[in-house]
Amino acid sequence: MTAKKTNAGGKIHLKWVRSFICAPTKQKLVVKGLGFTRLNQVIERPDTAAIRGMVAKVPHLIEIVE
């Protein structure tokens, strides 16, 4: 397996890049659950398996900012 890149403090920066207007309801709930309120917003979350799993559910809407 390949090692995943993590920041020194165990934080991950996420950016909401695409609207979820036509997305299924479950995907809308994932984006809101991550804490996004505006499009193109960058937020910082702890780098845990739960957060990585949420991001994996909506990779077309959210990107990881390095």
Protein backbone atom coordinates (compact mmCIF):
# COMPACT_ATOMS: atom_id res chain seq x y z
CA MET A 1 0.00 0.00 0.00
CA THR A 2 1.05 3.54 -0.51
CA ALA A 3 1.49 5.88 2.42
CA LYS A 4 -0.92 8.79 2.63
CA LYS A 5 0.49 12.27 3.01
CA THR A 6 -0.38 13.95 6.28
CA ASN A 7 0.48 17.34 7.66
CA ALA A 8 2.68 17.68 10.73
CA GLY A 9 -0.21 18.50 13.07
CA GLY A 10 -2.45 15.73 11.78
CA LYS A 11 -4.66 18.22 9.95
CA ILE A 12 -6.09 18.07 6.44
CA HIS A 13 -7.15 21.10 4.37
CA LEU A 14 -10.26 20.59 2.25
CA LYS A 15 -11.75 22.82 -0.44
CA TRP A 16 -15.31 22.66 -1.74
CA VAL A 17 -14.92 23.07 -5.52
CA ARG A 18 -18.22 22.06 -7.12
CA SER A 19 -21.85 22.74 -6.26
CA PHE A 20 -23.99 19.88 -5.00
CA ILE A 21 -27.26 21.13 -6.54
CA CYS A 22 -27.78 17.98 -8.66
CA ALA A 23 -26.06 15.64 -6.23
CA PRO A 24 -27.97 12.96 -4.30
CA THR A 25 -29.19 13.84 -0.81
CA LYS A 26 -26.61 11.61 0.89
CA GLN A 27 -23.77 13.48 -0.82
CA LYS A 28 -25.27 16.82 0.23
CA LEU A 29 -25.34 15.60 3.82
CA VAL A 30 -21.68 14.56 3.61
CA VAL A 31 -20.62 18.03 2.43
CA LYS A 32 -22.66 19.69 5.20
CA GLY A 33 -21.31 17.17 7.72
CA LEU A 34 -17.77 18.19 6.89
CA GLY A 35 -18.71 21.75 7.83
CA PHE A 36 -18.80 23.55 4.49
CA THR A 37 -21.08 26.57 4.17
CA ARG A 38 -19.85 28.27 0.97
CA LEU A 39 -18.50 27.15 -2.38
CA ASN A 40 -14.69 27.53 -2.74
CA GLN A 41 -14.35 27.52 1.05
CA VAL A 42 -11.21 25.96 2.53
CA ILE A 43 -11.55 24.29 5.92
CA GLU A 44 -9.17 22.39 8.19
CA ARG A 45 -10.19 19.08 9.73
CA PRO A 46 -8.29 16.44 11.70
CA ASP A 47 -6.72 13.79 9.47
CA THR A 48 -8.72 10.78 10.66
CA ALA A 49 -10.11 7.76 8.91
CA ALA A 50 -13.66 9.10 9.32
CA ILE A 51 -12.86 12.39 7.57
CA ARG A 52 -10.92 10.59 4.82
CA GLY A 53 -13.93 8.30 4.31
CA MET A 54 -16.29 11.26 3.98
CA VAL A 55 -13.98 12.86 1.42
CA ALA A 56 -13.83 9.57 -0.48
CA LYS A 57 -17.62 9.61 -0.85
CA VAL A 58 -17.61 12.97 -2.68
CA PRO A 59 -14.27 13.26 -4.53
CA HIS A 60 -15.95 15.10 -7.41
CA LEU A 61 -17.15 17.88 -5.08
CA ILE A 62 -14.23 18.27 -2.65
CA GLU A 63 -10.48 18.35 -3.14
CA ILE A 64 -7.61 18.06 -0.70
CA VAL A 65 -5.46 21.19 -0.68
CA GLU A 66 -1.74 20.60 -0.18
